[in-house]
Amino acid sequence: MTFQLCWNRNIVVFFAQYIFVLDRRFDSGEDVHELIDMSKATVIPYGKKVRITLGMAESLVDEIDDIRGE
């Protein structure tokens, strides 16, 4: 059995406006916890740590070091 989700245009507009407000308030440093239902929030633990080798251009590494130094 297949279910199709039919979005009403008003619902889409509401969520778009809500997300815009949430994003704007978060970016300005406001506390947005009142806008989010945290009652069902869960923490997903990270997996096992592994070591990887990554090759990249030296200029990119220099840029990353510059950003970290700021």
PDB file of N, CA and C in Angstrom:
ATOM      1  N   MET A   1       0.848  -1.163   0.000  1.00  0.00           N
ATOM      2  CA  MET A   1       0.000   0.000   0.000  1.00  0.00           C
ATOM      3  C   MET A   1       0.904   1.240   0.000  1.00  0.00           C
ATOM      4  N   THR A   2       0.623   2.183  -0.855  1.00  0.00           N
ATOM      5  CA  THR A   2       1.408   3.401  -0.968  1.00  0.00           C
ATOM      6  C   THR A   2       0.589   4.590  -0.510  1.00  0.00           C
ATOM      7  N   PHE A   3       1.202   5.426   0.307  1.00  0.00           N
ATOM      8  CA  PHE A   3       0.545   6.639   0.761  1.00  0.00           C
ATOM      9  C   PHE A   3       1.227   7.834   0.127  1.00  0.00           C
ATOM     10  N   GLN A   4       0.447   8.778  -0.316  1.00  0.00           N
ATOM     11  CA  GLN A   4       0.999  10.006  -0.852  1.00  0.00           C
ATOM     12  C   GLN A   4       0.668  11.136   0.109  1.00  0.00           C
ATOM     13  N   LEU A   5       1.659  11.965   0.355  1.00  0.00           N
ATOM     14  CA  LEU A   5       1.468  13.107   1.229  1.00  0.00           C
ATOM     15  C   LEU A   5       1.082  14.293   0.354  1.00  0.00           C
ATOM     16  N   CYS A   6      -0.077  14.823   0.585  1.00  0.00           N
ATOM     17  CA  CYS A   6      -0.567  15.948  -0.200  1.00  0.00           C
ATOM     18  C   CYS A   6      -0.394  17.212   0.632  1.00  0.00           C
ATOM     19  N   TRP A   7       0.470  18.108   0.197  1.00  0.00           N
ATOM     20  CA  TRP A   7       0.733  19.341   0.923  1.00  0.00           C
ATOM     21  C   TRP A   7      -0.211  20.426   0.462  1.00  0.00           C
ATOM     22  N   ASN A   8      -0.880  21.013   1.387  1.00  0.00           N
ATOM     23  CA  ASN A   8      -1.710  22.173   1.129  1.00  0.00           C
ATOM     24  C   ASN A   8      -0.776  23.374   1.023  1.00  0.00           C
ATOM     25  N   ARG A   9      -1.030  24.266   0.080  1.00  0.00           N
ATOM     26  CA  ARG A   9      -0.158  25.425  -0.121  1.00  0.00           C
ATOM     27  C   ARG A   9      -0.059  26.264   1.153  1.00  0.00           C
ATOM     28  N   ASN A  10      -1.138  26.385   1.912  1.00  0.00           N
ATOM     29  CA  ASN A  10      -1.115  27.164   3.144  1.00  0.00           C
ATOM     30  C   ASN A  10      -0.173  26.551   4.181  1.00  0.00           C
ATOM     31  N   ILE A  11      -0.131  25.229   4.230  1.00  0.00           N
ATOM     32  CA  ILE A  11       0.767  24.551   5.166  1.00  0.00           C
ATOM     33  C   ILE A  11       2.216  24.814   4.780  1.00  0.00           C
ATOM     34  N   VAL A  12       2.514  24.737   3.506  1.00  0.00           N
ATOM     35  CA  VAL A  12       3.878  24.978   3.028  1.00  0.00           C
ATOM     36  C   VAL A  12       4.298  26.414   3.340  1.00  0.00           C
ATOM     37  N   VAL A  13       3.419  27.369   3.095  1.00  0.00           N
ATOM     38  CA  VAL A  13       3.728  28.773   3.381  1.00  0.00           C
ATOM     39  C   VAL A  13       3.961  28.966   4.875  1.00  0.00           C
ATOM     40  N   PHE A  14       3.130  28.340   5.718  1.00  0.00           N
ATOM     41  CA  PHE A  14       3.291  28.452   7.164  1.00  0.00           C
ATOM     42  C   PHE A  14       4.658  27.944   7.595  1.00  0.00           C
ATOM     43  N   PHE A  15       5.037  26.740   7.148  1.00  0.00           N
ATOM     44  CA  PHE A  15       6.325  26.188   7.545  1.00  0.00           C
ATOM     45  C   PHE A  15       7.480  27.021   7.016  1.00  0.00           C
ATOM     46  N   ALA A  16       7.376  27.548   5.818  1.00  0.00           N
ATOM     47  CA  ALA A  16       8.432  28.395   5.262  1.00  0.00           C
ATOM     48  C   ALA A  16       8.610  29.646   6.112  1.00  0.00           C
ATOM     49  N   GLN A  17       7.507  30.263   6.514  1.00  0.00           N
ATOM     50  CA  GLN A  17       7.585  31.454   7.364  1.00  0.00           C
ATOM     51  C   GLN A  17       8.159  31.097   8.733  1.00  0.00           C
ATOM     52  N   TYR A  18       7.745  29.973   9.291  1.00  0.00           N
ATOM     53  CA  TYR A  18       8.227  29.536  10.602  1.00  0.00           C
ATOM     54  C   TYR A  18       9.734  29.302  10.561  1.00  0.00           C
ATOM     55  N   ILE A  19      10.195  28.621   9.530  1.00  0.00           N
ATOM     56  CA  ILE A  19      11.620  28.335   9.397  1.00  0.00           C
ATOM     57  C   ILE A  19      12.402  29.630   9.214  1.00  0.00           C
ATOM     58  N   PHE A  20      11.855  30.568   8.447  1.00  0.00           N
ATOM     59  CA  PHE A  20      12.514  31.860   8.244  1.00  0.00           C
ATOM     60  C   PHE A  20      12.679  32.589   9.577  1.00  0.00           C
ATOM     61  N   VAL A  21      11.624  32.624  10.378  1.00  0.00           N
ATOM     62  CA  VAL A  21      11.667  33.295  11.680  1.00  0.00           C
ATOM     63  C   VAL A  21      12.657  32.584  12.606  1.00  0.00           C
ATOM     64  N   LEU A  22      12.594  31.259  12.649  1.00  0.00           N
ATOM     65  CA  LEU A  22      13.495  30.481  13.487  1.00  0.00           C
ATOM     66  C   LEU A  22      14.947  30.753  13.105  1.00  0.00           C
ATOM     67  N   ASP A  23      15.250  30.722  11.821  1.00  0.00           N
ATOM     68  CA  ASP A  23      16.606  30.932  11.337  1.00  0.00           C
ATOM     69  C   ASP A  23      17.084  32.348  11.662  1.00  0.00           C
ATOM     70  N   ARG A  24      16.238  33.344  11.452  1.00  0.00           N
ATOM     71  CA  ARG A  24      16.601  34.735  11.711  1.00  0.00           C
ATOM     72  C   ARG A  24      16.883  34.944  13.194  1.00  0.00           C
ATOM     73  N   ARG A  25      16.026  34.395  14.053  1.00  0.00           N
ATOM     74  CA  ARG A  25      16.204  34.564  15.492  1.00  0.00           C
ATOM     75  C   ARG A  25      17.445  33.817  15.980  1.00  0.00           C
ATOM     76  N   PHE A  26      17.688  32.626  15.453  1.00  0.00           N
ATOM     77  CA  PHE A  26      18.877  31.860  15.838  1.00  0.00           C
ATOM     78  C   PHE A  26      20.141  32.601  15.429  1.00  0.00           C
ATOM     79  N   ASP A  27      20.163  33.114  14.194  1.00  0.00           N
ATOM     80  CA  ASP A  27      21.339  33.829  13.698  1.00  0.00           C
ATOM     81  C   ASP A  27      21.613  35.106  14.482  1.00  0.00           C
ATOM     82  N   SER A  28      20.568  35.721  15.040  1.00  0.00           N
ATOM     83  CA  SER A  28      20.772  36.940  15.818  1.00  0.00           C
ATOM     84  C   SER A  28      21.136  36.637  17.270  1.00  0.00           C
ATOM     85  N   GLY A  29      21.222  35.349  17.627  1.00  0.00           N
ATOM     86  CA  GLY A  29      21.664  34.959  18.954  1.00  0.00           C
ATOM     87  C   GLY A  29      20.552  34.802  19.973  1.00  0.00           C
ATOM     88  N   GLU A  30      19.305  34.871  19.535  1.00  0.00           N
ATOM     89  CA  GLU A  30      18.184  34.716  20.469  1.00  0.00           C
ATOM     90  C   GLU A  30      18.020  33.244  20.870  1.00  0.00           C
ATOM     91  N   ASP A  31      17.390  33.037  22.017  1.00  0.00           N
ATOM     92  CA  ASP A  31      17.069  31.688  22.482  1.00  0.00           C
ATOM     93  C   ASP A  31      15.841  31.200  21.715  1.00  0.00           C
ATOM     94  N   VAL A  32      15.980  30.116  20.953  1.00  0.00           N
ATOM     95  CA  VAL A  32      14.887  29.618  20.117  1.00  0.00           C
ATOM     96  C   VAL A  32      14.239  28.362  20.693  1.00  0.00           C
ATOM     97  N   HIS A  33      14.595  27.987  21.925  1.00  0.00           N
ATOM     98  CA  HIS A  33      14.034  26.772  22.513  1.00  0.00           C
ATOM     99  C   HIS A  33      12.513  26.832  22.639  1.00  0.00           C
ATOM    100  N   GLU A  34      11.956  28.025  22.811  1.00  0.00           N
ATOM    101  CA  GLU A  34      10.505  28.143  22.928  1.00  0.00           C
ATOM    102  C   GLU A  34       9.797  27.821  21.605  1.00  0.00           C
ATOM    103  N   LEU A  35      10.533  27.854  20.504  1.00  0.00           N
ATOM    104  CA  LEU A  35       9.944  27.574  19.195  1.00  0.00           C
ATOM    105  C   LEU A  35      10.044  26.106  18.806  1.00  0.00           C
ATOM    106  N   ILE A  36      10.761  25.333  19.609  1.00  0.00           N
ATOM    107  CA  ILE A  36      11.034  23.943  19.259  1.00  0.00           C
ATOM    108  C   ILE A  36      10.502  23.030  20.366  1.00  0.00           C
ATOM    109  N   ASP A  37       9.818  21.970  19.975  1.00  0.00           N
ATOM    110  CA  ASP A  37       9.334  20.981  20.940  1.00  0.00           C
ATOM    111  C   ASP A  37      10.501  20.057  21.285  1.00  0.00           C
ATOM    112  N   MET A  38      11.086  20.274  22.456  1.00  0.00           N
ATOM    113  CA  MET A  38      12.259  19.506  22.867  1.00  0.00           C
ATOM    114  C   MET A  38      11.876  18.249  23.664  1.00  0.00           C
ATOM    115  N   SER A  39      10.576  18.022  23.877  1.00  0.00           N
ATOM    116  CA  SER A  39      10.150  16.907  24.715  1.00  0.00           C
ATOM    117  C   SER A  39      10.503  15.544  24.111  1.00  0.00           C
ATOM    118  N   LYS A  40      10.618  15.473  22.805  1.00  0.00           N
ATOM    119  CA  LYS A  40      10.924  14.194  22.160  1.00  0.00           C
ATOM    120  C   LYS A  40      12.331  14.174  21.562  1.00  0.00           C
ATOM    121  N   ALA A  41      13.144  15.172  21.926  1.00  0.00           N
ATOM    122  CA  ALA A  41      14.501  15.244  21.396  1.00  0.00           C
ATOM    123  C   ALA A  41      15.349  14.120  21.969  1.00  0.00           C
ATOM    124  N   THR A  42      16.226  13.586  21.158  1.00  0.00           N
ATOM    125  CA  THR A  42      17.134  12.538  21.611  1.00  0.00           C
ATOM    126  C   THR A  42      18.552  12.894  21.191  1.00  0.00           C
ATOM    127  N   VAL A  43      19.506  12.375  21.921  1.00  0.00           N
ATOM    128  CA  VAL A  43      20.909  12.560  21.591  1.00  0.00           C
ATOM    129  C   VAL A  43      21.390  11.290  20.919  1.00  0.00           C
ATOM    130  N   ILE A  44      21.954  11.459  19.755  1.00  0.00           N
ATOM    131  CA  ILE A  44      22.489  10.307  19.025  1.00  0.00           C
ATOM    132  C   ILE A  44      23.993  10.270  19.275  1.00  0.00           C
ATOM    133  N   PRO A  45      24.476   9.257  19.993  1.00  0.00           N
ATOM    134  CA  PRO A  45      25.905   9.210  20.298  1.00  0.00           C
ATOM    135  C   PRO A  45      26.730   8.970  19.031  1.00  0.00           C
ATOM    136  N   TYR A  46      27.899   9.560  19.021  1.00  0.00           N
ATOM    137  CA  TYR A  46      28.794   9.347  17.891  1.00  0.00           C
ATOM    138  C   TYR A  46      29.299   7.918  17.884  1.00  0.00           C
ATOM    139  N   GLY A  47      29.668   7.476  16.719  1.00  0.00           N
ATOM    140  CA  GLY A  47      30.210   6.132  16.581  1.00  0.00           C
ATOM    141  C   GLY A  47      31.657   6.067  17.041  1.00  0.00           C
ATOM    142  N   LYS A  48      32.256   4.954  16.824  1.00  0.00           N
ATOM    143  CA  LYS A  48      33.643   4.726  17.206  1.00  0.00           C
ATOM    144  C   LYS A  48      34.551   5.692  16.445  1.00  0.00           C
ATOM    145  N   LYS A  49      35.559   6.225  17.124  1.00  0.00           N
ATOM    146  CA  LYS A  49      36.511   7.120  16.476  1.00  0.00           C
ATOM    147  C   LYS A  49      37.444   6.302  15.599  1.00  0.00           C
ATOM    148  N   VAL A  50      37.717   6.823  14.414  1.00  0.00           N
ATOM    149  CA  VAL A  50      38.655   6.174  13.499  1.00  0.00           C
ATOM    150  C   VAL A  50      39.623   7.223  12.979  1.00  0.00           C
ATOM    151  N   ARG A  51      40.763   6.793  12.575  1.00  0.00           N
ATOM    152  CA  ARG A  51      41.766   7.683  12.011  1.00  0.00           C
ATOM    153  C   ARG A  51      41.750   7.510  10.489  1.00  0.00           C
ATOM    154  N   ILE A  52      41.757   8.643   9.776  1.00  0.00           N
ATOM    155  CA  ILE A  52      41.778   8.588   8.324  1.00  0.00           C
ATOM    156  C   ILE A  52      42.946   9.410   7.813  1.00  0.00           C
ATOM    157  N   THR A  53      43.360   9.133   6.609  1.00  0.00           N
ATOM    158  CA  THR A  53      44.377   9.928   5.940  1.00  0.00           C
ATOM    159  C   THR A  53      43.681  10.644   4.789  1.00  0.00           C
ATOM    160  N   LEU A  54      43.874  11.956   4.751  1.00  0.00           N
ATOM    161  CA  LEU A  54      43.190  12.775   3.763  1.00  0.00           C
ATOM    162  C   LEU A  54      44.224  13.620   3.036  1.00  0.00           C
ATOM    163  N   GLY A  55      44.246  13.515   1.725  1.00  0.00           N
ATOM    164  CA  GLY A  55      45.162  14.335   0.940  1.00  0.00           C
ATOM    165  C   GLY A  55      44.455  15.583   0.441  1.00  0.00           C
ATOM    166  N   MET A  56      45.089  16.754   0.677  1.00  0.00           N
ATOM    167  CA  MET A  56      44.505  17.995   0.185  1.00  0.00           C
ATOM    168  C   MET A  56      45.611  18.984  -0.124  1.00  0.00           C
ATOM    169  N   ALA A  57      45.259  20.006  -0.866  1.00  0.00           N
ATOM    170  CA  ALA A  57      46.240  21.004  -1.276  1.00  0.00           C
ATOM    171  C   ALA A  57      46.765  21.761  -0.061  1.00  0.00           C
ATOM    172  N   GLU A  58      48.051  22.096  -0.101  1.00  0.00           N
ATOM    173  CA  GLU A  58      48.667  22.818   1.001  1.00  0.00           C
ATOM    174  C   GLU A  58      48.012  24.181   1.213  1.00  0.00           C
ATOM    175  N   SER A  59      47.570  24.802   0.128  1.00  0.00           N
ATOM    176  CA  SER A  59      46.923  26.114   0.250  1.00  0.00           C
ATOM    177  C   SER A  59      45.621  26.013   1.052  1.00  0.00           C
ATOM    178  N   LEU A  60      44.897  24.914   0.898  1.00  0.00           N
ATOM    179  CA  LEU A  60      43.668  24.713   1.657  1.00  0.00           C
ATOM    180  C   LEU A  60      43.976  24.542   3.142  1.00  0.00           C
ATOM    181  N   VAL A  61      45.026  23.796   3.451  1.00  0.00           N
ATOM    182  CA  VAL A  61      45.437  23.618   4.841  1.00  0.00           C
ATOM    183  C   VAL A  61      45.820  24.967   5.440  1.00  0.00           C
ATOM    184  N   ASP A  62      46.537  25.792   4.659  1.00  0.00           N
ATOM    185  CA  ASP A  62      46.914  27.132   5.139  1.00  0.00           C
ATOM    186  C   ASP A  62      45.686  27.982   5.415  1.00  0.00           C
ATOM    187  N   GLU A  63      44.680  27.908   4.535  1.00  0.00           N
ATOM    188  CA  GLU A  63      43.450  28.669   4.743  1.00  0.00           C
ATOM    189  C   GLU A  63      42.734  28.212   6.011  1.00  0.00           C
ATOM    190  N   ILE A  64      42.689  26.911   6.243  1.00  0.00           N
ATOM    191  CA  ILE A  64      42.056  26.383   7.454  1.00  0.00           C
ATOM    192  C   ILE A  64      42.801  26.868   8.697  1.00  0.00           C
ATOM    193  N   ASP A  65      44.133  26.840   8.640  1.00  0.00           N
ATOM    194  CA  ASP A  65      44.926  27.335   9.770  1.00  0.00           C
ATOM    195  C   ASP A  65      44.664  28.818  10.019  1.00  0.00           C
ATOM    196  N   ASP A  66      44.522  29.593   8.949  1.00  0.00           N
ATOM    197  CA  ASP A  66      44.229  31.026   9.087  1.00  0.00           C
ATOM    198  C   ASP A  66      42.878  31.238   9.751  1.00  0.00           C
ATOM    199  N   ILE A  67      41.882  30.459   9.348  1.00  0.00           N
ATOM    200  CA  ILE A  67      40.537  30.585   9.933  1.00  0.00           C
ATOM    201  C   ILE A  67      40.572  30.209  11.410  1.00  0.00           C
ATOM    202  N   ARG A  68      41.286  29.145  11.748  1.00  0.00           N
ATOM    203  CA  ARG A  68      41.373  28.715  13.153  1.00  0.00           C
ATOM    204  C   ARG A  68      42.077  29.754  14.002  1.00  0.00           C
ATOM    205  N   GLY A  69      43.011  30.499  13.392  1.00  0.00           N
ATOM    206  CA  GLY A  69      43.775  31.500  14.134  1.00  0.00           C
ATOM    207  C   GLY A  69      42.991  32.768  14.422  1.00  0.00           C
ATOM    208  N   GLU A  70      41.879  32.959  13.715  1.00  0.00           N
ATOM    209  CA  GLU A  70      41.092  34.199  13.896  1.00  0.00           C
ATOM    210  C   GLU A  70      40.360  34.221  15.201  1.00  0.00           C
TER     211      GLU A  70
END
